[in-house]
N, C-alpha and C. Protein backbone atom coordinates (compact mmCIF):
# COMPACT_ATOMS: atom_id res chain seq x y z
N UNK A 1 111.80 120.98 114.53
CA UNK A 1 112.10 121.00 115.96
C UNK A 1 111.86 119.55 116.81
N UNK A 2 112.43 118.57 116.30
CA UNK A 2 111.82 117.16 117.40
C UNK A 2 112.71 117.20 117.74
N UNK A 3 111.91 116.67 119.28
CA UNK A 3 112.80 116.86 120.46
C UNK A 3 112.34 115.18 120.65
N UNK A 4 113.64 114.55 121.03
CA UNK A 4 113.98 113.30 121.63
C UNK A 4 114.36 112.48 122.84
N UNK A 5 113.84 111.26 123.32
CA UNK A 5 114.01 111.58 124.76
C UNK A 5 115.17 109.61 124.41
N UNK A 6 116.58 108.95 124.93
CA UNK A 6 117.26 108.65 124.09
C UNK A 6 117.69 107.70 125.69
N UNK A 7 116.74 106.99 125.97
CA UNK A 7 116.82 105.86 127.15
C UNK A 7 118.09 104.36 127.18
N UNK A 8 118.76 104.93 127.09
CA UNK A 8 120.07 103.98 127.47
C UNK A 8 120.94 104.47 128.28
N UNK A 9 121.35 103.27 128.74
CA UNK A 9 122.43 102.87 130.55
C UNK A 9 123.95 102.52 129.52
N UNK A 10 124.07 102.38 127.88
CA UNK A 10 125.61 102.05 128.16
C UNK A 10 126.27 103.52 127.74
N UNK A 11 126.80 103.58 128.33
CA UNK A 11 127.55 105.36 128.24
C UNK A 11 127.76 106.10 126.64
N UNK A 12 129.03 104.54 126.14
CA UNK A 12 129.41 105.06 125.09
C UNK A 12 128.42 104.82 123.59
N UNK A 13 127.27 104.34 124.06
CA UNK A 13 126.19 104.61 122.11
C UNK A 13 125.32 105.24 122.88
N UNK A 14 125.08 105.43 123.82
CA UNK A 14 124.00 107.15 124.43
C UNK A 14 124.75 107.69 123.99
N UNK A 15 126.27 107.88 123.77
CA UNK A 15 125.86 109.56 123.40
C UNK A 15 126.56 109.59 122.58
N UNK A 16 127.39 108.70 121.64
CA UNK A 16 127.07 108.21 119.89
C UNK A 16 125.96 108.47 119.41
N UNK A 17 125.00 108.19 120.03
CA UNK A 17 123.23 108.11 119.54
C UNK A 17 122.98 109.91 119.59
N UNK A 18 123.15 109.92 120.47
CA UNK A 18 123.21 111.61 120.79
C UNK A 18 123.95 112.64 120.03
N UNK A 19 124.54 112.45 119.83
CA UNK A 19 125.95 112.89 118.91
C UNK A 19 125.10 112.96 116.79
N UNK A 20 125.22 111.75 116.76
CA UNK A 20 124.92 111.50 115.50
C UNK A 20 122.57 111.78 115.24
N UNK A 21 122.37 111.61 116.36
CA UNK A 21 120.95 112.75 116.39
C UNK A 21 120.81 114.70 115.83
N UNK A 22 122.04 114.83 116.88
CA UNK A 22 121.98 116.60 117.59
C UNK A 22 122.69 117.07 115.49
N UNK A 23 123.48 116.11 114.72
CA UNK A 23 123.71 116.29 113.70
C UNK A 23 122.74 116.03 112.55
N UNK A 24 121.99 115.70 113.18
CA UNK A 24 120.47 115.91 112.16
C UNK A 24 119.35 117.12 112.70
N UNK A 25 119.49 117.55 113.84
CA UNK A 25 119.49 118.28 114.26
C UNK A 25 117.83 118.35 114.68
N UNK A 26 118.57 117.23 115.39
CA UNK A 26 117.20 116.78 116.70
C UNK A 26 117.48 117.05 118.26
N UNK A 27 116.73 117.73 119.00
CA UNK A 27 117.06 117.63 120.59
C UNK A 27 117.22 116.59 120.65
N UNK A 28 118.05 115.97 121.27
CA UNK A 28 118.19 114.96 122.03
C UNK A 28 118.94 114.49 123.55
N UNK A 29 117.97 114.25 125.08
CA UNK A 29 117.72 114.10 126.11
C UNK A 29 118.05 112.46 125.97
N UNK A 30 119.58 112.69 127.60
CA UNK A 30 119.63 111.73 127.67
C UNK A 30 118.43 110.69 128.92
N UNK A 31 118.58 109.80 129.73
CA UNK A 31 118.31 108.82 130.66
C UNK A 31 118.94 107.55 130.27
N UNK A 32 119.20 107.33 131.66
CA UNK A 32 119.72 106.13 131.58
C UNK A 32 119.57 105.10 132.35
N UNK A 33 117.86 104.92 133.38
CA UNK A 33 117.51 104.36 134.15
C UNK A 33 115.52 104.34 134.02
N UNK A 34 115.96 103.83 133.76
CA UNK A 34 114.30 102.86 133.60
C UNK A 34 112.91 103.95 134.07
N UNK A 35 113.36 104.16 135.87
CA UNK A 35 112.38 105.72 136.19
C UNK A 35 112.37 106.22 135.92
N UNK A 36 113.91 107.36 135.66
CA UNK A 36 114.12 107.92 135.70
C UNK A 36 113.41 108.37 133.81
N UNK A 37 113.78 107.72 133.52
CA UNK A 37 113.10 107.97 132.00
C UNK A 37 111.31 107.79 131.78
N UNK A 38 110.59 106.69 132.15
CA UNK A 38 109.07 107.30 132.89
C UNK A 38 108.93 108.99 133.45
N UNK A 39 109.45 109.06 134.37
CA UNK A 39 109.13 110.33 134.85
C UNK A 39 109.53 111.63 134.37
N UNK A 40 110.68 111.41 133.28
CA UNK A 40 110.55 112.37 132.10
C UNK A 40 109.47 112.40 130.87
N UNK A 41 108.86 110.87 130.41
CA UNK A 41 107.96 110.93 129.56
C UNK A 41 106.78 111.42 130.33
N UNK A 42 106.14 111.36 131.48
CA UNK A 42 105.67 111.79 132.26
C UNK A 42 105.37 113.64 132.64
N UNK A 43 106.20 113.95 132.53
CA UNK A 43 106.10 115.19 132.74
C UNK A 43 106.70 116.30 131.66
N UNK A 44 107.63 115.35 130.85
CA UNK A 44 108.29 116.53 129.62
C UNK A 44 107.68 115.98 128.63
N UNK A 45 107.41 116.97 127.37
CA UNK A 45 107.45 116.47 126.12
C UNK A 45 108.36 116.26 125.33
N UNK A 46 108.10 114.89 123.67
CA UNK A 46 109.20 114.05 123.88
C UNK A 46 107.89 113.95 121.86
N UNK A 47 108.84 114.12 121.12
CA UNK A 47 108.57 113.40 119.86
C UNK A 47 108.94 112.02 119.89
N UNK A 48 109.62 112.08 120.13
CA UNK A 48 110.19 109.98 120.06
C UNK A 48 111.06 110.03 121.24
N UNK A 49 111.22 108.60 121.37
CA UNK A 49 110.98 107.58 122.83
C UNK A 49 112.64 106.59 121.81
N UNK A 50 113.51 106.96 121.98
CA UNK A 50 114.24 105.86 121.83
C UNK A 50 114.57 104.82 123.05
N UNK A 51 114.31 103.42 123.52
CA UNK A 51 114.53 103.33 124.74
C UNK A 51 114.52 101.79 124.51
N UNK A 52 115.57 101.40 124.56
CA UNK A 52 116.76 100.24 125.94
C UNK A 52 115.86 98.89 126.71
N UNK A 53 115.72 98.58 126.50
CA UNK A 53 115.25 96.92 126.39
C UNK A 53 115.64 96.39 127.91
N UNK A 54 117.35 96.83 128.08
CA UNK A 54 117.60 96.12 129.57
C UNK A 54 118.49 97.30 130.00
N UNK A 55 116.78 98.21 131.05
CA UNK A 55 117.92 99.14 132.20
C UNK A 55 117.58 98.99 133.20
N UNK A 56 118.71 99.16 134.78
CA UNK A 56 118.30 99.82 135.73
C UNK A 56 116.78 100.53 135.69
N UNK A 57 116.85 100.20 136.47
CA UNK A 57 114.88 100.93 137.35
C UNK A 57 114.53 99.96 137.17
N UNK A 58 113.28 100.59 135.91
CA UNK A 58 112.38 99.41 135.39
C UNK A 58 112.80 99.36 133.92
N UNK A 59 112.87 98.27 133.78
CA UNK A 59 113.12 97.71 131.96
C UNK A 59 112.75 98.58 131.24
N UNK A 60 112.53 98.46 129.61
CA UNK A 60 112.00 99.00 128.88
C UNK A 60 110.87 98.71 128.44
N UNK A 61 110.25 97.40 128.51
CA UNK A 61 109.18 97.02 128.77
C UNK A 61 108.04 97.63 129.51
N UNK A 62 108.86 97.67 130.93
CA UNK A 62 107.53 98.54 132.31
C UNK A 62 107.12 99.96 131.97
N UNK A 63 108.34 100.28 131.45
CA UNK A 63 108.98 101.90 131.07
C UNK A 63 108.01 102.05 129.73
N UNK A 64 107.83 101.41 129.17
CA UNK A 64 106.94 101.59 127.70
C UNK A 64 105.82 101.19 128.48
N UNK A 65 105.44 99.75 129.27
CA UNK A 65 103.40 99.99 128.98
C UNK A 65 103.18 100.98 130.87
N UNK A 66 103.45 101.18 131.53
CA UNK A 66 102.48 102.44 131.59
C UNK A 66 103.24 103.54 131.43
N UNK A 67 104.04 103.81 130.10
CA UNK A 67 103.25 105.29 129.26
C UNK A 67 102.55 104.89 128.71
N UNK A 68 102.36 103.83 127.92
CA UNK A 68 100.99 103.79 127.37
C UNK A 68 99.22 103.64 128.38
N UNK A 69 99.89 103.07 129.40
CA UNK A 69 98.43 102.82 130.14
C UNK A 69 98.53 104.30 130.73
N UNK A 70 99.33 105.18 130.59
CA UNK A 70 98.76 106.93 131.10
C UNK A 70 98.28 107.38 130.39
N UNK A 71 98.64 106.72 129.41
CA UNK A 71 98.10 107.98 127.55
C UNK A 71 98.97 108.60 127.51
N UNK A 72 100.19 107.87 126.87
CA UNK A 72 101.10 108.91 126.81
C UNK A 72 101.15 108.01 125.25
N UNK A 73 100.89 108.53 123.84
CA UNK A 73 100.74 108.95 122.46
C UNK A 73 102.21 108.91 121.52
N UNK A 74 103.28 109.41 122.41
CA UNK A 74 104.78 109.41 121.63
C UNK A 74 105.26 107.86 120.95
N UNK A 75 105.86 108.17 119.90
CA UNK A 75 106.20 106.86 118.89
C UNK A 75 107.20 105.90 120.37
N UNK A 76 107.29 104.75 120.09
CA UNK A 76 108.43 104.69 120.69
C UNK A 76 109.46 103.95 119.85
N UNK A 77 110.87 103.86 119.83
CA UNK A 77 111.20 102.70 119.17
C UNK A 77 112.24 101.56 119.80
N UNK A 78 112.76 101.60 120.24
CA UNK A 78 113.03 99.62 121.09
C UNK A 78 113.80 99.98 120.26
N UNK A 79 115.15 100.16 121.15
CA UNK A 79 116.66 99.37 120.96
C UNK A 79 116.54 97.76 122.24
N UNK A 80 117.90 97.23 121.04
CA UNK A 80 117.49 95.73 122.26
C UNK A 80 118.83 94.70 121.84
N UNK A 81 119.20 94.52 122.66
CA UNK A 81 120.20 92.84 121.48
C UNK A 81 119.98 92.13 121.50
N UNK A 82 118.92 91.73 122.50
CA UNK A 82 117.67 90.55 121.67
C UNK A 82 117.16 90.81 120.67
N UNK A 83 117.51 89.44 119.97
CA UNK A 83 116.65 89.27 118.33
C UNK A 83 116.07 88.15 118.41
N UNK A 84 115.94 88.15 118.64
CA UNK A 84 114.67 86.70 118.81
C UNK A 84 113.39 87.30 118.72
N UNK A 85 112.57 86.47 118.42
CA UNK A 85 111.30 86.22 118.06
C UNK A 85 110.14 86.93 119.08
N UNK A 86 110.67 86.42 120.23
CA UNK A 86 109.98 86.12 121.21
C UNK A 86 110.20 87.62 121.92
N UNK A 87 111.13 87.73 122.17
CA UNK A 87 111.47 89.48 122.82
C UNK A 87 110.84 90.82 121.14
N UNK A 88 111.41 90.20 120.25
CA UNK A 88 110.50 91.18 119.39
C UNK A 88 109.14 91.76 120.04
N UNK A 89 108.60 90.50 120.44
CA UNK A 89 106.91 90.67 120.37
C UNK A 89 106.28 91.00 121.50
N UNK A 90 107.49 90.95 122.59
CA UNK A 90 107.70 91.40 123.75
C UNK A 90 107.21 93.10 123.68
N UNK A 91 108.55 93.77 123.52
CA UNK A 91 108.45 95.06 122.94
C UNK A 91 107.54 96.33 122.53
N UNK A 92 107.08 94.97 121.01
CA UNK A 92 105.80 95.56 120.52
C UNK A 92 104.93 95.63 120.89
N UNK A 93 104.33 94.53 122.65
CA UNK A 93 102.97 94.16 122.43
C UNK A 93 103.35 95.29 123.62
N UNK A 94 103.89 95.91 124.36
CA UNK A 94 103.97 96.46 124.91
C UNK A 94 103.66 97.85 124.73
N UNK A 95 103.10 97.93 123.59
CA UNK A 95 103.55 99.70 123.03
C UNK A 95 104.40 99.95 122.51
N UNK A 96 105.80 99.28 122.15
CA UNK A 96 106.66 99.86 121.33
C UNK A 96 105.88 100.17 119.27
N UNK A 97 106.70 101.01 119.06
CA UNK A 97 105.78 101.16 117.15
C UNK A 97 107.36 100.78 116.46
N UNK A 98 108.32 100.65 117.30
CA UNK A 98 109.13 99.36 116.21
C UNK A 98 110.34 99.45 117.25
N UNK A 99 111.43 98.35 116.46
CA UNK A 99 112.20 97.59 116.61
C UNK A 99 113.61 97.74 116.23
N UNK A 100 114.65 97.72 117.10
CA UNK A 100 116.17 97.67 116.06
C UNK A 100 117.35 96.69 116.79
N UNK A 101 117.85 96.02 116.63
CA UNK A 101 117.62 94.83 117.32
C UNK A 101 119.85 95.53 117.55
N UNK A 102 120.79 95.86 118.06
CA UNK A 102 121.76 95.64 118.28
C UNK A 102 123.24 94.99 117.29
N UNK A 103 124.12 95.09 116.86
CA UNK A 103 124.38 96.20 116.87
C UNK A 103 124.00 97.06 115.47
N UNK A 104 123.69 98.08 115.59
CA UNK A 104 123.23 99.21 114.60
C UNK A 104 124.08 99.58 113.83
N UNK A 105 123.27 100.21 112.43
CA UNK A 105 124.40 101.67 111.50
C UNK A 105 123.28 102.30 112.12
N UNK A 106 124.08 103.35 112.06
CA UNK A 106 123.39 104.62 112.56
C UNK A 106 122.31 105.30 111.65
N UNK A 107 122.94 104.80 110.53
CA UNK A 107 121.97 105.37 109.01
C UNK A 107 121.33 104.63 109.72
N UNK A 108 120.52 103.86 110.02
CA UNK A 108 119.39 102.99 109.87
C UNK A 108 118.89 103.78 111.07
N UNK A 109 119.63 103.63 111.75
CA UNK A 109 118.33 104.39 113.19
C UNK A 109 118.15 105.79 112.58
N UNK A 110 118.88 105.81 111.73
CA UNK A 110 118.52 107.48 111.36
C UNK A 110 116.57 107.07 110.60
N UNK A 111 117.12 106.16 109.29
CA UNK A 111 116.09 106.42 108.49
C UNK A 111 114.45 106.18 109.74
N UNK A 112 114.78 105.47 110.18
CA UNK A 112 113.31 104.73 111.50
C UNK A 112 113.05 105.48 112.96
N UNK A 113 114.09 106.65 112.08
CA UNK A 113 113.89 107.56 112.64
C UNK A 113 112.87 108.95 112.61
N UNK A 114 113.30 109.33 111.25
CA UNK A 114 112.49 110.05 110.14
C UNK A 114 111.10 108.81 110.54
N UNK A 115 111.29 107.54 109.58
CA UNK A 115 110.20 107.26 109.30
C UNK A 115 108.69 107.14 110.45
N UNK A 116 109.39 107.22 112.16
CA UNK A 116 108.09 107.21 112.42
C UNK A 116 108.03 108.82 113.61
N UNK A 117 108.95 109.36 113.85
CA UNK A 117 108.31 111.42 112.76
C UNK A 117 107.79 111.54 111.58
N UNK A 118 107.44 111.02 111.02
CA UNK A 118 106.41 110.95 110.00
C UNK A 118 105.39 110.27 109.95
N UNK A 119 105.11 109.96 111.15
CA UNK A 119 103.35 109.36 111.35
C UNK A 119 102.55 110.60 111.42
N UNK A 120 101.15 110.43 110.75
CA UNK A 120 100.16 111.10 111.33
C UNK A 120 100.21 111.91 112.22
N UNK A 121 100.61 113.06 112.96
CA UNK A 121 100.67 113.73 114.22
C UNK A 121 99.88 114.87 113.96
N UNK A 122 100.22 115.29 115.37
CA UNK A 122 99.95 117.24 115.17
C UNK A 122 101.25 117.54 114.24
N UNK A 123 100.66 117.75 112.99
CA UNK A 123 102.12 118.61 112.21
C UNK A 123 102.34 120.27 112.22
N UNK A 124 102.83 120.16 112.52
CA UNK A 124 103.34 122.01 112.96
C UNK A 124 104.17 121.99 111.41
N UNK A 125 104.23 124.09 111.61
CA UNK A 125 104.15 124.57 110.35
C UNK A 125 105.85 124.24 110.08
N UNK A 126 105.13 123.71 108.71
CA UNK A 126 106.69 123.36 107.76
C UNK A 126 107.63 124.40 107.52
N UNK A 127 107.09 126.55 106.94
CA UNK A 127 107.96 127.24 106.60
C UNK A 127 107.62 128.40 108.76
N UNK A 128 109.06 128.49 108.77
CA UNK A 128 108.21 129.65 109.87
C UNK A 128 109.03 131.18 108.83
N UNK A 129 108.12 131.84 109.77
CA UNK A 129 108.80 133.05 108.69
C UNK A 129 109.42 134.47 109.42
N UNK A 130 109.56 135.32 109.05
CA UNK A 130 109.57 136.33 110.00
C UNK A 130 109.83 138.11 109.25
N UNK A 131 109.36 139.07 108.25
CA UNK A 131 109.52 139.81 107.65
C UNK A 131 110.16 138.78 106.29
N UNK A 132 111.96 138.95 105.81
CA UNK A 132 112.47 138.42 104.94
C UNK A 132 113.15 137.10 104.48
N UNK A 133 112.87 136.78 106.12
CA UNK A 133 114.20 135.89 106.86
C UNK A 133 112.76 134.47 107.26
N UNK A 134 112.82 132.68 106.43
CA UNK A 134 112.08 131.89 106.01
C UNK A 134 112.93 130.35 106.80
N UNK A 135 112.68 129.82 107.69
CA UNK A 135 113.05 128.75 108.35
C UNK A 135 112.10 127.74 106.85
N UNK A 136 112.13 126.31 106.84
CA UNK A 136 112.09 125.67 106.12
C UNK A 136 112.50 124.72 106.75
N UNK A 137 111.24 123.64 107.91
CA UNK A 137 112.05 122.64 108.57
C UNK A 137 111.98 121.76 108.18
N UNK A 138 111.84 121.31 106.47
CA UNK A 138 111.78 119.76 105.56
C UNK A 138 112.77 120.12 105.15
N UNK A 139 114.12 121.08 104.28
CA UNK A 139 115.16 120.64 104.11
C UNK A 139 115.81 121.45 105.16
N UNK A 140 115.17 122.19 105.79
CA UNK A 140 116.36 122.33 107.69
C UNK A 140 117.34 123.59 106.51
N UNK A 141 116.29 124.72 105.67
CA UNK A 141 117.62 125.58 104.97
C UNK A 141 116.85 126.70 106.26
N UNK A 142 117.35 127.98 106.10
CA UNK A 142 116.91 129.02 106.09
C UNK A 142 117.99 129.98 105.07
N UNK A 143 116.84 131.40 104.92
CA UNK A 143 116.74 131.30 103.90
C UNK A 143 116.27 132.91 104.23
N UNK A 144 117.11 134.11 103.39
CA UNK A 144 117.46 135.80 104.10
C UNK A 144 117.02 136.37 102.85
N UNK A 145 116.20 136.98 102.55
CA UNK A 145 115.75 137.86 101.18
C UNK A 145 116.02 136.89 99.89
N UNK A 146 115.97 135.57 100.22
CA UNK A 146 116.31 134.67 99.18
C UNK A 146 117.33 133.69 98.79
N UNK A 147 118.88 134.56 99.68
CA UNK A 147 119.69 133.88 99.41
C UNK A 147 119.88 132.91 101.11
N UNK A 148 120.52 131.87 101.13
CA UNK A 148 120.72 130.95 101.99
C UNK A 148 121.90 131.64 102.83
N UNK A 149 120.95 131.81 104.30
CA UNK A 149 121.83 131.67 104.97
C UNK A 149 123.03 130.30 106.04
N UNK A 150 124.19 130.47 106.20
CA UNK A 150 123.81 129.06 106.23
C UNK A 150 124.82 128.96 108.39
N UNK A 151 124.00 127.85 108.64
CA UNK A 151 123.66 128.39 110.17
C UNK A 151 124.69 126.97 111.15
N UNK A 152 124.73 126.76 112.18
CA UNK A 152 124.72 125.72 112.34
C UNK A 152 124.05 125.10 113.69
N UNK A 153 123.83 123.12 113.41
CA UNK A 153 122.43 123.35 113.97
C UNK A 153 122.23 123.84 114.86
N UNK A 154 123.31 123.73 116.26
CA UNK A 154 122.51 124.81 117.30
C UNK A 154 121.51 126.41 117.23
N UNK A 155 122.07 127.25 116.57
CA UNK A 155 121.40 128.01 116.23
C UNK A 155 120.37 128.32 115.16
N UNK A 156 120.46 126.89 113.88
CA UNK A 156 119.42 126.61 112.88
C UNK A 156 118.15 126.57 114.27
N UNK A 157 118.23 125.40 115.29
CA UNK A 157 117.28 124.87 116.54
C UNK A 157 117.24 126.75 117.10
N UNK A 158 117.95 127.15 117.49
CA UNK A 158 117.42 128.14 118.31
C UNK A 158 116.71 129.13 117.65
N UNK A 159 116.70 129.67 116.86
CA UNK A 159 116.09 130.15 115.45
C UNK A 159 114.75 129.52 115.56
N UNK A 160 114.60 128.29 115.55
CA UNK A 160 113.59 127.54 115.12
C UNK A 160 112.29 127.59 116.32
N UNK A 161 113.14 127.18 118.27
CA UNK A 161 112.34 127.44 117.93
C UNK A 161 111.71 128.73 119.06
N UNK A 162 112.14 129.78 118.75
CA UNK A 162 111.95 131.16 118.67
C UNK A 162 111.09 131.30 117.37
N UNK A 163 111.42 131.39 116.19
CA UNK A 163 110.21 131.28 115.45
C UNK A 163 108.68 131.23 115.75
N UNK A 164 108.84 130.06 116.17
CA UNK A 164 107.60 128.48 116.60
C UNK A 164 106.76 129.83 116.81
N UNK A 165 107.96 130.46 117.84
CA UNK A 165 106.78 130.96 119.25
C UNK A 165 107.20 133.08 119.19
N UNK A 166 106.05 133.27 118.61
CA UNK A 166 106.84 134.30 117.91
C UNK A 166 106.16 135.29 119.17
N UNK A 167 107.28 136.12 118.98
CA UNK A 167 106.02 137.04 120.32
C UNK A 167 106.30 136.73 121.54
N UNK A 168 106.89 135.60 121.56
CA UNK A 168 106.63 134.37 123.15
C UNK A 168 108.38 135.32 123.43
N UNK A 169 108.38 135.99 124.66
CA UNK A 169 108.87 135.45 125.51
C UNK A 169 110.06 134.46 126.39
N UNK A 170 110.97 133.77 126.02
CA UNK A 170 111.85 132.64 125.92
C UNK A 170 112.69 132.71 127.23
N UNK A 171 112.80 131.91 127.71
CA UNK A 171 114.12 132.32 129.62
C UNK A 171 115.22 131.21 128.92
N UNK A 172 116.86 131.85 129.66
CA UNK A 172 117.63 131.27 129.07
C UNK A 172 117.06 130.11 129.93
N UNK A 173 117.17 129.18 130.72
CA UNK A 173 116.92 127.51 130.93
C UNK A 173 116.20 126.83 129.97
N UNK A 174 114.32 128.08 129.27
CA UNK A 174 113.82 127.46 128.25
C UNK A 174 114.73 126.77 126.84
N UNK A 175 115.54 128.20 126.35
CA UNK A 175 116.36 127.84 125.46
C UNK A 175 117.39 126.75 125.66
N UNK A 176 118.04 126.61 126.89
CA UNK A 176 118.42 125.16 127.05
C UNK A 176 117.78 124.18 127.21
N UNK A 177 116.61 124.27 127.59
CA UNK A 177 115.90 123.44 127.66
C UNK A 177 115.09 121.84 125.81
N UNK A 178 115.34 123.89 125.07
CA UNK A 178 115.02 123.19 124.08
C UNK A 178 115.41 122.62 122.90
N UNK A 179 116.75 123.33 123.42
CA UNK A 179 118.32 123.46 121.76
C UNK A 179 118.61 122.83 122.28
N UNK A 180 119.30 122.35 123.67
CA UNK A 180 120.55 120.84 123.78
C UNK A 180 120.45 120.24 124.79
N UNK A 181 118.73 120.43 125.39
CA UNK A 181 117.55 119.40 126.24
C UNK A 181 118.20 119.15 127.47
N UNK A 182 116.80 118.18 128.01
CA UNK A 182 117.02 118.86 129.99
C UNK A 182 118.15 118.89 130.61
N UNK A 183 118.90 117.16 130.17
CA UNK A 183 119.59 117.55 131.52
C UNK A 183 121.25 117.92 130.83
N UNK A 184 121.04 118.83 129.80
CA UNK A 184 122.54 119.48 129.22
C UNK A 184 123.03 120.24 130.06
N UNK A 185 124.02 120.83 130.36
CA UNK A 185 125.00 121.34 131.80
C UNK A 185 125.48 122.96 130.88
N UNK A 186 124.92 122.82 130.25
CA UNK A 186 125.36 124.23 129.05
C UNK A 186 124.93 125.26 129.93
N UNK A 187 125.73 126.33 130.33
CA UNK A 187 125.80 127.47 131.06
C UNK A 187 124.97 128.55 129.91
N UNK A 188 124.36 129.38 130.31
CA UNK A 188 123.88 130.34 130.25
C UNK A 188 124.00 131.66 129.31
N UNK A 189 125.63 131.87 129.22
CA UNK A 189 127.04 132.22 128.77
C UNK A 189 126.43 131.76 126.45
N UNK A 190 126.61 130.40 127.07
CA UNK A 190 126.91 129.76 125.46
C UNK A 190 124.97 129.97 124.95
N UNK A 191 124.72 130.34 125.67
CA UNK A 191 123.00 130.56 124.89
C UNK A 191 123.78 132.15 124.40
N UNK A 192 123.58 132.72 125.19
CA UNK A 192 124.57 134.78 124.28
C UNK A 192 125.68 134.63 124.02
N UNK A 193 126.24 134.14 123.66
CA UNK A 193 127.28 133.39 122.48
C UNK A 193 126.89 133.35 121.45
N UNK A 194 125.71 131.84 121.93
CA UNK A 194 124.86 131.06 119.84
C UNK A 194 124.25 132.33 120.06
N UNK A 195 123.49 133.26 119.90
CA UNK A 195 122.33 134.13 119.57
C UNK A 195 123.15 135.85 118.96
N UNK A 196 124.26 135.48 120.03
CA UNK A 196 125.32 136.91 119.60
C UNK A 196 125.95 136.86 118.34
N UNK A 197 126.51 135.72 117.67
CA UNK A 197 126.84 134.61 116.36
C UNK A 197 125.10 134.72 115.39
N UNK A 198 124.63 134.21 115.50
CA UNK A 198 122.55 134.19 115.35
C UNK A 198 123.08 136.00 114.71
N UNK A 199 122.09 136.60 115.84
CA UNK A 199 122.04 137.88 115.22
C UNK A 199 123.35 138.06 114.26
N UNK A 200 123.99 138.05 113.67
CA UNK A 200 125.38 138.64 112.82
C UNK A 200 125.04 138.31 111.89
N UNK A 201 124.07 136.36 111.68
CA UNK A 201 124.06 136.21 110.70
C UNK A 201 122.94 136.91 110.04
N UNK A 202 121.89 136.93 110.58
CA UNK A 202 120.23 137.12 110.58
C UNK A 202 120.11 138.81 110.47
N UNK A 203 120.82 139.41 110.59
CA UNK A 203 120.29 141.09 110.78
C UNK A 203 120.84 141.90 109.01
N UNK A 204 120.37 143.52 109.70
CA UNK A 204 120.68 144.04 109.00
C UNK A 204 120.67 145.56 109.70
N UNK A 205 122.35 145.26 109.72
CA UNK A 205 122.25 146.94 111.07
C UNK A 205 122.06 147.71 109.44
N UNK A 206 121.67 149.19 109.76
CA UNK A 206 120.92 149.13 111.49
C UNK A 206 120.11 149.19 111.68
N UNK A 207 119.14 148.35 110.59
CA UNK A 207 118.06 148.14 111.80
C UNK A 207 118.10 147.31 112.51
N UNK A 208 117.30 147.85 113.78
CA UNK A 208 116.95 146.61 114.88
C UNK A 208 117.23 144.56 114.86
N UNK A 209 117.40 143.96 115.27
CA UNK A 209 117.26 142.55 115.59
C UNK A 209 116.34 142.36 115.70
N UNK A 210 115.96 141.75 115.16
CA UNK A 210 114.39 139.93 115.34
C UNK A 210 114.53 139.78 116.93
N UNK A 211 116.03 139.18 116.94
CA UNK A 211 115.87 138.62 118.21
C UNK A 211 116.09 140.08 119.42
N UNK A 212 115.04 140.60 120.15
CA UNK A 212 114.66 141.31 121.07
C UNK A 212 115.78 140.37 122.19
N UNK A 213 116.38 141.61 122.80
CA UNK A 213 116.08 141.02 124.57
C UNK A 213 115.42 141.72 125.54
N UNK A 214 114.47 140.93 126.39
CA UNK A 214 113.96 141.35 127.63
C UNK A 214 114.26 141.48 128.86
N UNK A 215 115.33 142.48 128.81
CA UNK A 215 116.17 142.37 129.89
C UNK A 215 116.07 141.57 130.85
N UNK A 216 116.29 141.06 131.90
CA UNK A 216 116.13 140.71 133.42
C UNK A 216 114.51 139.07 133.06
N UNK A 217 114.19 138.86 132.09
CA UNK A 217 113.05 137.65 131.17
C UNK A 217 114.09 136.71 130.36
N UNK A 218 114.68 137.67 129.08
CA UNK A 218 114.50 136.67 128.50
C UNK A 218 115.52 136.99 127.56
N UNK A 219 114.52 136.56 125.39
CA UNK A 219 114.64 136.49 124.34
C UNK A 219 113.38 136.53 124.00
N UNK A 220 113.10 137.01 123.01
CA UNK A 220 112.19 136.85 121.76
C UNK A 220 112.17 137.69 120.12
N UNK A 221 111.80 136.56 119.37
CA UNK A 221 111.65 136.99 118.46
C UNK A 221 110.71 138.17 118.16
N UNK A 222 110.41 139.72 117.30
CA UNK A 222 109.25 140.61 117.28
C UNK A 222 110.10 141.20 115.90
N UNK A 223 109.36 141.23 114.76
CA UNK A 223 108.64 142.30 114.08
C UNK A 223 108.27 143.36 113.98
N UNK A 224 109.74 144.64 113.71
CA UNK A 224 108.53 146.12 113.62
C UNK A 224 107.51 146.17 113.11
């Protein structure tokens, strides 16, 4: 599961980017102001940042510089309508890792995202499993006793974060943050609904579910 911060003040474009990336199983958080984006970067954890150059508050160059000066190492893909060489140099010199000129094809955006996420960092486990249930991050597949279990993107992400933190109790707010994004207005009932559907797909009645409800606290994955 990769968390991506998209910093873009054009609502239509940021919404389109979010929808496209979420279909690729990324967790996307939006920010439309440079100052807000910098605050998120300094207080929250992301695997990638898509950063527009022209922003209210702080511009993308200043956000990038201040984040790098504070020790931030998260890869940054700069987005801008400026295609001049000097604009590209300014973006890269400020600490950006790559540069994409608007307008762009979403398929190219996806390719750039994958390339940046492949760069050596702390590598997560590729296969997460409990009992006969396996989740493969590379192929984005879930199998149970070797048979494919077809999950919706949010169901996959819920299972992924809970397997990744096996045995830990995750509150509803934490699950919303990890799966829908910190800026989401998703209600707790939505989380419960998704977990209910997920349980139906991965459980073996009458055996107890590997997704345990810890009343008053949240949910965790645990095997008997």
